[in-house]
Amino acid sequence: MRLRQGRFERIRTVLDDADADEPLTAREILDLLDEHGEEFDSAHQIATVLGRHAETGEVEVIRDQPYRYRFQDGS
């Protein structure tokens, strides 16, 4: 569980630093993470981490094609 929290916090920090105001796809988030030197295996890994946090209300999943993710605080 601690590892997932670490991944989530890394994602959140990069999106905050990038001032990502609009919902992003997992691929767009992966690209931003890569630009900021954060390594993740795939967009699927990003989607899995964010999907788990959607269950707690920290992330909104916009079920469109493709899915988009938005942090509830506006990130």
Protein backbone atom coordinates (compact mmCIF):
# COMPACT_ATOMS: atom_id res chain seq x y z
CA MET A 1 0.00 0.00 0.00
CA ARG A 2 2.82 2.41 0.80
CA LEU A 3 4.22 1.98 -2.72
CA ARG A 4 0.87 2.97 -4.27
CA GLN A 5 0.72 6.07 -2.10
CA GLY A 6 4.21 6.97 -3.26
CA ARG A 7 3.21 6.63 -6.90
CA PHE A 8 0.06 8.66 -6.35
CA GLU A 9 1.98 11.44 -4.62
CA ARG A 10 4.56 11.53 -7.42
CA ILE A 11 1.79 11.86 -10.01
CA ARG A 12 0.02 14.54 -8.00
CA THR A 13 3.23 16.55 -7.46
CA VAL A 14 4.13 16.58 -11.15
CA LEU A 15 0.61 17.60 -12.18
CA ASP A 16 0.63 20.37 -9.58
CA ASP A 17 4.04 21.58 -10.80
CA ALA A 18 2.84 21.48 -14.42
CA ASP A 19 -0.32 23.45 -13.55
CA ALA A 20 -2.44 20.82 -15.28
CA ASP A 21 -5.87 22.42 -14.97
CA GLU A 22 -7.82 20.26 -17.38
CA PRO A 23 -8.50 16.53 -17.20
CA LEU A 24 -5.75 14.45 -18.78
CA THR A 25 -5.55 10.97 -20.22
CA ALA A 26 -3.24 8.42 -18.63
CA ARG A 27 -0.96 8.74 -21.69
CA GLU A 28 -0.77 12.53 -21.29
CA ILE A 29 0.02 12.11 -17.61
CA LEU A 30 2.70 9.53 -18.44
CA ASP A 31 4.28 11.98 -20.90
CA LEU A 32 4.30 14.76 -18.27
CA LEU A 33 5.85 12.43 -15.72
CA ASP A 34 8.54 11.46 -18.20
CA GLU A 35 9.30 15.14 -18.91
CA HIS A 36 9.77 15.66 -15.16
CA GLY A 37 12.07 12.67 -14.73
CA GLU A 38 9.50 10.40 -13.07
CA GLU A 39 9.56 6.87 -14.42
CA PHE A 40 6.42 4.78 -14.73
CA ASP A 41 6.07 1.58 -16.74
CA SER A 42 2.98 2.45 -18.76
CA ALA A 43 -0.19 4.49 -19.11
CA HIS A 44 -1.99 1.43 -17.74
CA GLN A 45 0.01 1.73 -14.50
CA ILE A 46 -1.04 5.39 -14.22
CA ALA A 47 -4.69 4.47 -14.83
CA THR A 48 -4.51 1.75 -12.17
CA VAL A 49 -3.04 4.08 -9.54
CA LEU A 50 -5.54 6.85 -10.28
CA GLY A 51 -8.46 4.42 -10.50
CA ARG A 52 -7.72 3.19 -6.98
CA HIS A 53 -7.74 6.75 -5.70
CA ALA A 54 -11.01 7.47 -7.52
CA GLU A 55 -12.61 5.02 -5.08
CA THR A 56 -11.74 7.40 -2.22
CA GLY A 57 -12.90 10.50 -4.10
CA GLU A 58 -9.43 12.01 -4.55
CA VAL A 59 -9.57 11.62 -8.32
CA GLU A 60 -12.46 12.01 -10.73
CA VAL A 61 -12.52 9.55 -13.63
CA ILE A 62 -14.23 11.00 -16.68
CA ARG A 63 -15.44 7.95 -18.55
CA ASP A 64 -15.03 9.18 -22.08
CA GLN A 65 -12.96 7.78 -24.93
CA PRO A 66 -10.23 7.80 -23.76
CA TYR A 67 -10.76 8.05 -20.02
CA ARG A 68 -9.51 11.29 -18.46
CA TYR A 69 -8.47 11.95 -14.89
CA ARG A 70 -8.84 15.05 -12.74
CA PHE A 71 -7.80 15.60 -9.13
CA GLN A 72 -10.67 16.89 -7.03
CA ASP A 73 -8.66 19.92 -5.89
CA GLY A 74 -8.49 21.14 -9.50
CA SER A 75 -5.31 19.44 -10.76
